[in-house]
Amino acid sequence: MHVNAIRTQLALGAVTGTALVMTTGCSGGNRAAGESAEKIKMDAAAARVLITPGNGTSAVRPDRSVVVRAASGRLADVALDSGGRNVSGEYNKSRTEWRSRWGLEPGANITVRVVAQNSDGRTATAVSTFRTEGTPSTVTVSQDPVMEERRKDTYGVGLPIILNFDKAIKDRAAVEKALQVVADKPVEGAWHWFDDDKQVVYRPKFFWPAHQTVRLVAHLTGVPFGDNTYGTKDFTRTYRIGRAQVSHLDIAGHHMRVDWDGRPVRTIPISAGNGETHEYTTTSGIHLNMEKDEDVTMTSPGRGPGDPGYYSELIHYAVRVSNAGEYLHQTPGDEDCLGNRNCSHGCIRQSRDDAIWYYKHSQPGDPVIATGTDRQVEPDNGWSFYQMPWRKWLKGSALHR
């Protein structure tokens, strides 16, 4: 019996892709008398792979998927290098196809390296190099300034993920597809666009489960931003979710109950807005703790010195819960109002000891759920995003999901 030596052949397609062919062959001479066909071991079928875009291709869109297919055999490994950045992808169940998941660098040389394996375990390698089109976009992305300033903090279960762009986004769907939120304890959530398509916010349908890590990866490299320009840099942030601190504020009853992980830990006598005017009425609804300062000078909105109702007061241990000037803070006087009457200009007043305690334990993103007034906080007033019903929130997503 004569068996041909195993040979590996690499063939590169000129237009449609790069083909990797791993072949084995067998031929036989005259058999000895009585020799059975079962004694002739046939080599495994060839492993054959097609890479698209093919080797030498130019002007490839950065947002185009790279696809690797095995016509026979299976894919052992696929590595996609985009300007020194490894781009991940997904295999199908049989590992006969791999497809890139995120965009590529614009105007760059891209390299794909594939290892294929046939049924008897022998491997061969193919490489395809092509070039993308497009120029770098000047659109920049940033996180909400308060969140950026407090990046090392532990966040509350109401944490919103807020991204701001310096220009309006034309293709919101393309950007939204590139935004990945990964949580240790996943829950349903969605993005919603604000500010004439310059801000996008992610929130869960309800709150986050407590005590976990949430990670944002904005895969903006290769995302089209218009005029043949594409993103060139990803944006990542990691958030630690702490205990579930939820404050229930009864404005009519003049007290606030603070729960930790569903267990009441403190009841605080408070005094809210006196309701003499609309602006002096504390808003009801779901607020979130935002920034906090030990000392804040608060002045009456739209009034100057000498105007009726003007005030300017130095306030201590202030935790902001809206953009309309609502804080939880130490009362500057009127101690007798606490637990009895609403005497403030719209903020939530507490005693010194309670204000220090609340300030110390406040996390950005802690929910403060207020009831008892006819003025509702607007969903875009600070971080009050949970005020928007879930169906309406989904309508603000470019993907509606």
Protein backbone atom coordinates (compact mmCIF):
# COMPACT_ATOMS: atom_id res chain seq x y z
CA MET A 1 0.00 0.00 0.00
CA HIS A 2 1.20 3.48 -0.79
CA VAL A 3 -0.20 6.55 0.96
CA ASN A 4 0.50 10.09 -0.30
CA ALA A 5 2.13 12.50 2.14
CA ILE A 6 -0.18 15.05 3.77
CA ARG A 7 0.10 18.48 2.19
CA THR A 8 -1.22 21.91 3.26
CA GLN A 9 -2.11 24.44 0.56
CA LEU A 10 -2.89 28.14 1.16
CA ALA A 11 -4.84 29.91 -1.60
CA LEU A 12 -5.70 33.64 -1.43
CA GLY A 13 -8.84 34.82 -3.26
CA ALA A 14 -8.38 38.02 -5.28
CA VAL A 15 -11.83 39.63 -4.96
CA THR A 16 -14.44 37.96 -2.75
CA GLY A 17 -12.28 36.80 0.12
CA THR A 18 -9.25 34.99 1.39
CA ALA A 19 -9.58 31.21 1.09
CA LEU A 20 -7.71 28.85 3.35
CA VAL A 21 -7.57 25.26 2.08
CA MET A 22 -6.18 22.45 4.20
CA THR A 23 -6.11 19.30 2.05
CA THR A 24 -5.12 15.70 2.64
CA GLY A 25 -4.98 13.00 0.00
CA CYS A 26 -4.74 9.21 -0.29
CA SER A 27 -4.10 6.87 -3.24
CA GLY A 28 -3.48 3.15 -3.23
CA GLY A 29 -1.56 0.62 -5.31
CA ASN A 30 -2.32 -3.09 -5.65
CA ARG A 31 -3.62 -4.67 -2.47
CA ALA A 32 -2.19 -7.88 -1.07
CA ALA A 33 -4.44 -10.92 -1.37
CA GLY A 34 -7.16 -10.90 1.27
CA GLU A 35 -6.39 -7.35 2.44
CA SER A 36 -9.68 -5.69 3.47
CA ALA A 37 -10.73 -2.16 2.57
CA GLU A 38 -11.20 -1.43 6.31
CA LYS A 39 -7.43 -1.53 6.78
CA ILE A 40 -6.98 1.47 4.48
CA LYS A 41 -7.07 4.60 6.68
CA MET A 42 -8.43 7.57 4.75
CA ASP A 43 -7.25 11.06 5.69
CA ALA A 44 -9.73 13.68 6.97
CA ALA A 45 -11.50 16.06 4.59
CA ALA A 46 -9.87 19.38 3.86
CA ALA A 47 -10.52 22.40 6.10
CA ARG A 48 -11.57 25.28 3.85
CA VAL A 49 -12.13 28.87 4.99
CA LEU A 50 -13.32 32.09 3.34
CA ILE A 51 -12.49 35.53 4.84
CA THR A 52 -14.51 38.59 3.80
CA PRO A 53 -13.29 41.27 3.03
CA GLY A 54 -10.58 39.51 1.06
CA ASN A 55 -6.86 40.05 1.13
CA GLY A 56 -5.86 43.31 -0.58
CA THR A 57 -9.37 44.81 -0.56
CA SER A 58 -9.48 48.59 -0.16
CA ALA A 59 -12.12 51.21 0.74
CA VAL A 60 -13.93 48.94 3.18
CA ARG A 61 -16.49 50.73 5.37
CA PRO A 62 -15.37 50.71 9.02
CA ASP A 63 -18.87 49.71 10.15
CA ARG A 64 -18.92 46.69 7.83
CA SER A 65 -18.80 43.28 9.53
CA VAL A 66 -15.81 41.00 8.96
CA VAL A 67 -17.04 37.47 8.27
CA VAL A 68 -15.04 34.23 8.41
CA ARG A 69 -16.65 30.99 7.22
CA ALA A 70 -15.47 27.39 7.21
CA ALA A 71 -16.89 25.38 4.30
CA SER A 72 -15.53 22.22 5.93
CA GLY A 73 -13.80 21.69 9.23
CA ARG A 74 -14.25 24.27 12.00
CA LEU A 75 -12.76 27.57 13.16
CA ALA A 76 -10.28 27.09 15.98
CA ASP A 77 -9.38 30.78 16.40
CA VAL A 78 -10.01 34.15 14.76
CA ALA A 79 -8.04 37.29 15.65
CA LEU A 80 -9.00 40.68 14.19
CA ASP A 81 -6.49 43.50 14.65
CA SER A 82 -7.75 47.04 13.99
CA GLY A 83 -5.01 49.61 14.48
CA GLY A 84 -3.54 47.67 17.38
CA ARG A 85 -6.97 47.11 18.94
CA ASN A 86 -8.38 43.60 19.13
CA VAL A 87 -11.98 43.53 17.86
CA SER A 88 -14.15 40.81 19.33
CA GLY A 89 -16.65 38.73 17.43
CA GLU A 90 -19.04 35.81 17.80
CA TYR A 91 -18.98 32.23 16.53
CA ASN A 92 -22.08 30.32 15.54
CA LYS A 93 -22.90 27.16 17.47
CA SER A 94 -21.00 24.85 15.13
CA ARG A 95 -17.99 27.24 14.95
CA THR A 96 -18.22 27.26 11.17
CA GLU A 97 -18.77 31.04 11.06
CA TRP A 98 -17.34 34.05 12.93
CA ARG A 99 -18.63 37.60 12.60
CA SER A 100 -17.07 40.76 14.07
CA ARG A 101 -19.26 42.55 16.56
CA TRP A 102 -17.85 46.10 16.61
CA GLY A 103 -16.48 48.69 14.19
CA LEU A 104 -12.99 49.14 12.74
CA GLU A 105 -10.53 52.02 12.67
CA PRO A 106 -11.19 54.36 9.71
CA GLY A 107 -8.40 54.77 7.14
CA ALA A 108 -6.38 51.89 8.62
CA ASN A 109 -4.87 48.56 7.65
CA ILE A 110 -6.84 45.71 9.19
CA THR A 111 -5.50 42.18 9.65
CA VAL A 112 -7.47 38.98 10.17
CA ARG A 113 -5.68 35.80 11.26
CA VAL A 114 -7.55 32.51 11.17
CA VAL A 115 -6.70 29.06 12.44
CA ALA A 116 -8.88 26.28 10.97
CA GLN A 117 -9.05 22.70 12.09
CA ASN A 118 -10.21 19.61 10.22
CA SER A 119 -11.94 16.61 11.78
CA ASP A 120 -8.73 14.78 12.71
CA GLY A 121 -7.36 17.82 14.54
CA ARG A 122 -4.82 19.11 12.02
CA THR A 123 -4.69 22.89 11.63
CA ALA A 124 -3.63 25.50 9.12
CA THR A 125 -3.51 29.30 9.20
CA ALA A 126 -4.63 32.06 6.83
CA VAL A 127 -4.19 35.84 6.94
CA SER A 128 -6.17 38.56 5.20
CA THR A 129 -5.15 42.23 5.23
CA PHE A 130 -7.39 44.98 3.87
CA ARG A 131 -7.81 48.74 4.27
CA THR A 132 -10.77 50.75 5.55
CA GLU A 133 -12.03 54.05 4.19
CA GLY A 134 -13.17 57.22 5.97
CA THR A 135 -11.62 59.92 8.15
CA PRO A 136 -11.68 60.38 11.93
CA SER A 137 -14.74 62.15 13.31
CA THR A 138 -14.41 65.25 15.49
CA VAL A 139 -17.47 64.31 17.58
CA THR A 140 -16.49 63.88 21.22
CA VAL A 141 -18.28 62.03 24.01
CA SER A 142 -18.19 62.67 27.74
CA GLN A 143 -19.87 61.42 30.85
CA ASP A 144 -22.21 63.53 32.97
CA PRO A 145 -19.89 65.99 34.84
CA VAL A 146 -21.22 64.99 38.26
CA MET A 147 -20.56 61.31 37.56
CA GLU A 148 -17.13 62.07 36.14
CA GLU A 149 -16.20 64.02 39.26
CA ARG A 150 -17.32 61.14 41.49
CA ARG A 151 -16.00 58.23 39.44
CA LYS A 152 -14.52 56.47 42.46
CA ASP A 153 -17.72 56.64 44.48
CA THR A 154 -20.14 53.83 45.10
CA TYR A 155 -23.46 54.48 43.35
CA GLY A 156 -27.06 53.93 44.35
CA VAL A 157 -29.50 51.52 42.72
CA GLY A 158 -31.06 54.31 40.64
CA LEU A 159 -27.77 54.99 38.79
CA PRO A 160 -28.38 56.45 35.31
CA ILE A 161 -25.62 56.16 32.70
CA ILE A 162 -25.44 59.53 30.95
CA LEU A 163 -23.41 60.23 27.81
CA ASN A 164 -23.12 63.71 26.26
CA PHE A 165 -22.01 64.41 22.67
CA ASP A 166 -20.73 67.81 21.57
CA LYS A 167 -22.75 67.59 18.34
CA ALA A 168 -26.19 66.26 17.51
CA ILE A 169 -26.09 62.60 16.47
CA LYS A 170 -27.61 61.97 13.03
CA ASP A 171 -27.54 58.17 13.09
CA ARG A 172 -28.78 57.48 16.60
CA ALA A 173 -29.39 53.79 15.88
CA ALA A 174 -25.76 53.23 14.84
CA VAL A 175 -24.52 54.86 18.04
CA GLU A 176 -27.01 53.04 20.23
CA LYS A 177 -26.02 49.66 18.79
CA ALA A 178 -22.44 50.41 19.82
CA LEU A 179 -23.35 51.06 23.48
CA GLN A 180 -22.89 47.97 25.63
CA VAL A 181 -23.95 47.76 29.28
CA VAL A 182 -22.76 44.68 31.18
CA ALA A 183 -24.00 44.04 34.73
CA ASP A 184 -23.11 41.32 37.23
CA LYS A 185 -26.85 41.06 37.90
CA PRO A 186 -28.53 41.85 34.55
CA VAL A 187 -31.94 43.49 34.42
CA GLU A 188 -34.05 44.98 31.64
CA GLY A 189 -32.95 48.48 30.62
CA ALA A 190 -32.89 50.86 27.65
CA TRP A 191 -31.40 54.06 26.24
CA HIS A 192 -33.35 57.29 25.72
CA TRP A 193 -32.24 60.38 23.75
CA PHE A 194 -32.52 63.93 25.14
CA ASP A 195 -31.27 67.45 24.35
CA ASP A 196 -31.92 67.40 20.59
CA ASP A 197 -30.04 64.12 20.17
CA LYS A 198 -26.90 65.30 21.99
CA GLN A 199 -27.48 63.26 25.16
CA VAL A 200 -28.35 59.61 25.61
CA VAL A 201 -29.27 58.06 28.98
CA TYR A 202 -29.48 54.42 30.07
CA ARG A 203 -31.66 53.30 32.98
CA PRO A 204 -33.17 50.00 34.09
CA LYS A 205 -36.91 49.51 33.85
CA PHE A 206 -36.89 49.50 37.63
CA PHE A 207 -33.78 49.98 39.80
CA TRP A 208 -30.51 48.04 39.66
CA PRO A 209 -30.08 45.09 42.02
CA ALA A 210 -27.80 46.19 44.85
CA HIS A 211 -24.19 45.16 45.52
CA GLN A 212 -22.77 44.59 42.05
CA THR A 213 -20.62 46.07 39.28
CA VAL A 214 -21.97 47.61 36.07
CA ARG A 215 -19.67 48.31 33.12
CA LEU A 216 -20.25 50.58 30.13
CA VAL A 217 -18.34 50.02 26.89
CA ALA A 218 -19.21 52.54 24.17
CA HIS A 219 -17.75 50.85 21.07
CA LEU A 220 -17.61 54.10 19.12
CA THR A 221 -14.63 53.17 16.94
CA GLY A 222 -15.92 52.73 13.39
CA VAL A 223 -19.36 54.19 14.15
CA PRO A 224 -20.51 56.54 11.34
CA PHE A 225 -20.92 60.15 12.49
CA GLY A 226 -21.77 61.60 9.06
CA ASP A 227 -19.85 63.11 6.11
CA ASN A 228 -17.79 59.90 5.70
CA THR A 229 -16.33 60.33 9.21
CA TYR A 230 -16.15 57.59 11.82
CA GLY A 231 -15.37 57.30 15.50
CA THR A 232 -11.80 56.41 16.44
CA LYS A 233 -11.95 55.82 20.20
CA ASP A 234 -14.05 53.71 22.54
CA PHE A 235 -15.35 55.05 25.87
CA THR A 236 -15.46 52.84 28.97
CA ARG A 237 -16.54 53.33 32.57
CA THR A 238 -17.10 51.01 35.52
CA TYR A 239 -19.67 51.65 38.26
CA ARG A 240 -19.89 49.98 41.66
CA ILE A 241 -23.49 49.68 42.90
CA GLY A 242 -23.67 49.70 46.69
CA ARG A 243 -26.55 49.13 49.06
CA ALA A 244 -30.13 49.91 48.03
CA GLN A 245 -30.64 53.16 49.92
CA VAL A 246 -34.17 54.34 49.12
CA SER A 247 -35.68 57.34 50.92
CA HIS A 248 -39.47 57.70 51.17
CA LEU A 249 -40.36 61.34 51.65
CA ASP A 250 -43.84 62.12 53.00
CA ILE A 251 -44.17 65.85 52.41
CA ALA A 252 -47.66 66.13 53.90
CA GLY A 253 -46.63 64.05 56.92
CA HIS A 254 -43.36 65.98 57.40
CA HIS A 255 -41.05 62.98 57.72
CA MET A 256 -38.70 60.82 55.66
CA ARG A 257 -37.97 57.11 56.10
CA VAL A 258 -34.62 55.78 54.83
CA ASP A 259 -34.37 52.07 53.91
CA TRP A 260 -31.20 50.06 53.37
CA ASP A 261 -31.68 46.93 51.27
CA GLY A 262 -35.39 47.00 52.11
CA ARG A 263 -34.88 47.50 55.86
CA PRO A 264 -35.83 50.80 57.58
CA VAL A 265 -32.78 52.33 59.26
CA ARG A 266 -33.80 55.91 60.09
CA THR A 267 -36.89 58.11 60.28
CA ILE A 268 -36.14 61.82 59.89
CA PRO A 269 -38.45 64.76 60.74
CA ILE A 270 -38.40 67.18 57.79
CA SER A 271 -39.80 70.46 56.57
CA ALA A 272 -40.47 70.88 52.85
CA GLY A 273 -41.51 73.76 50.58
CA ASN A 274 -44.13 76.08 52.01
CA GLY A 275 -46.21 76.04 48.82
CA GLU A 276 -46.78 79.80 48.77
CA THR A 277 -45.74 79.83 45.10
CA HIS A 278 -45.19 77.15 42.47
CA GLU A 279 -41.41 77.39 42.84
CA TYR A 280 -41.70 77.06 46.62
CA THR A 281 -43.59 73.76 46.27
CA THR A 282 -41.39 70.69 46.66
CA THR A 283 -41.81 68.35 43.71
CA SER A 284 -43.28 64.88 44.16
CA GLY A 285 -41.98 61.88 42.22
CA ILE A 286 -38.83 59.82 41.89
CA HIS A 287 -35.70 61.90 42.40
CA LEU A 288 -32.11 60.67 42.55
CA ASN A 289 -29.30 61.95 44.74
CA MET A 290 -26.80 63.82 42.58
CA GLU A 291 -23.92 65.92 43.90
CA LYS A 292 -23.34 66.96 47.51
CA ASP A 293 -21.46 69.79 49.23
CA GLU A 294 -20.84 70.61 52.86
CA ASP A 295 -21.43 74.32 52.20
CA VAL A 296 -23.67 75.82 49.51
CA THR A 297 -24.86 79.41 49.16
CA MET A 298 -28.48 79.36 48.05
CA THR A 299 -30.22 82.39 46.54
CA SER A 300 -33.77 83.01 45.41
CA PRO A 301 -34.20 82.31 41.67
CA GLY A 302 -35.03 85.33 39.52
CA ARG A 303 -34.69 87.81 42.39
CA GLY A 304 -31.99 90.27 43.34
CA PRO A 305 -31.11 92.12 46.56
CA GLY A 306 -33.99 94.36 47.58
CA ASP A 307 -36.62 92.38 45.65
CA PRO A 308 -39.56 90.93 47.61
CA GLY A 309 -38.80 87.36 48.65
CA TYR A 310 -35.05 87.66 48.00
CA TYR A 311 -32.76 85.50 50.13
CA SER A 312 -29.12 84.43 50.16
CA GLU A 313 -28.21 81.82 52.78
CA LEU A 314 -25.20 79.61 53.48
CA ILE A 315 -26.54 76.06 53.78
CA HIS A 316 -24.67 73.06 55.24
CA TYR A 317 -24.63 69.35 54.33
CA ALA A 318 -26.60 69.74 51.11
CA VAL A 319 -27.44 66.83 48.77
CA ARG A 320 -28.93 67.91 45.45
CA VAL A 321 -31.85 65.96 43.95
CA SER A 322 -32.86 68.13 40.97
CA ASN A 323 -31.68 70.88 38.66
CA ALA A 324 -34.41 73.17 40.00
CA GLY A 325 -32.49 73.87 43.20
CA GLU A 326 -34.00 71.14 45.38
CA TYR A 327 -31.67 69.80 48.08
CA LEU A 328 -31.86 67.81 51.27
CA HIS A 329 -29.88 69.88 53.79
CA GLN A 330 -29.49 71.12 57.35
CA THR A 331 -32.13 73.62 58.32
CA PRO A 332 -30.77 77.19 58.62
CA GLY A 333 -33.22 77.86 61.46
CA ASP A 334 -36.92 77.25 62.15
CA GLU A 335 -36.17 74.07 64.06
CA ASP A 336 -39.78 73.99 65.24
CA CYS A 337 -40.93 73.39 61.65
CA LEU A 338 -39.21 69.99 61.45
CA GLY A 339 -41.82 67.26 61.64
CA ASN A 340 -44.62 69.83 61.97
CA ARG A 341 -44.88 72.33 59.10
CA ASN A 342 -43.50 72.99 55.64
CA CYS A 343 -41.47 76.19 55.94
CA SER A 344 -38.77 76.04 53.25
CA HIS A 345 -38.42 77.56 49.79
CA GLY A 346 -38.70 74.10 48.22
CA CYS A 347 -35.80 72.17 49.74
CA ILE A 348 -36.03 69.41 52.33
CA ARG A 349 -34.78 70.63 55.71
CA GLN A 350 -33.41 68.36 58.42
CA SER A 351 -31.84 68.80 61.83
CA ARG A 352 -28.06 69.10 61.99
CA ASP A 353 -27.57 65.51 63.19
CA ASP A 354 -29.94 64.07 60.59
CA ALA A 355 -28.45 66.19 57.79
CA ILE A 356 -24.92 65.06 58.67
CA TRP A 357 -26.05 61.43 58.80
CA TYR A 358 -27.84 61.66 55.43
CA TYR A 359 -24.93 63.53 53.85
CA LYS A 360 -22.43 60.94 55.08
CA HIS A 361 -24.41 57.97 53.75
CA SER A 362 -25.62 59.54 50.50
CA GLN A 363 -24.59 57.81 47.25
CA PRO A 364 -25.11 59.38 43.82
CA GLY A 365 -28.07 57.59 42.31
CA ASP A 366 -29.90 56.90 45.59
CA PRO A 367 -33.67 57.16 44.94
CA VAL A 368 -35.66 59.75 46.90
CA ILE A 369 -39.36 59.07 46.34
CA ALA A 370 -41.45 62.07 47.36
CA THR A 371 -45.24 62.20 47.74
CA GLY A 372 -47.72 64.73 49.01
CA THR A 373 -47.76 67.68 46.59
CA ASP A 374 -49.52 68.49 43.32
CA ARG A 375 -46.24 69.44 41.59
CA GLN A 376 -44.47 66.55 39.85
CA VAL A 377 -40.76 66.58 39.07
CA GLU A 378 -40.05 66.49 35.32
CA PRO A 379 -38.17 63.42 33.95
CA ASP A 380 -35.37 65.66 32.58
CA ASN A 381 -35.06 67.71 35.77
CA GLY A 382 -31.72 66.51 37.10
CA TRP A 383 -31.60 62.71 37.17
CA SER A 384 -35.36 62.17 37.59
CA PHE A 385 -35.47 59.77 34.64
CA TYR A 386 -37.60 57.17 36.44
CA GLN A 387 -40.46 59.65 36.34
CA MET A 388 -41.00 58.75 32.69
CA PRO A 389 -43.25 55.70 32.14
CA TRP A 390 -41.37 52.75 30.68
CA ARG A 391 -43.33 52.63 27.40
CA LYS A 392 -42.59 56.30 26.78
CA TRP A 393 -38.95 55.75 27.73
CA LEU A 394 -38.66 53.04 25.09
CA LYS A 395 -40.06 55.38 22.44
CA GLY A 396 -37.04 57.61 23.01
CA SER A 397 -34.72 54.79 22.01
CA ALA A 398 -33.61 54.70 18.38
CA LEU A 399 -33.94 50.91 18.56
CA HIS A 400 -37.23 50.94 20.55
CA ARG A 401 -36.00 48.19 22.80
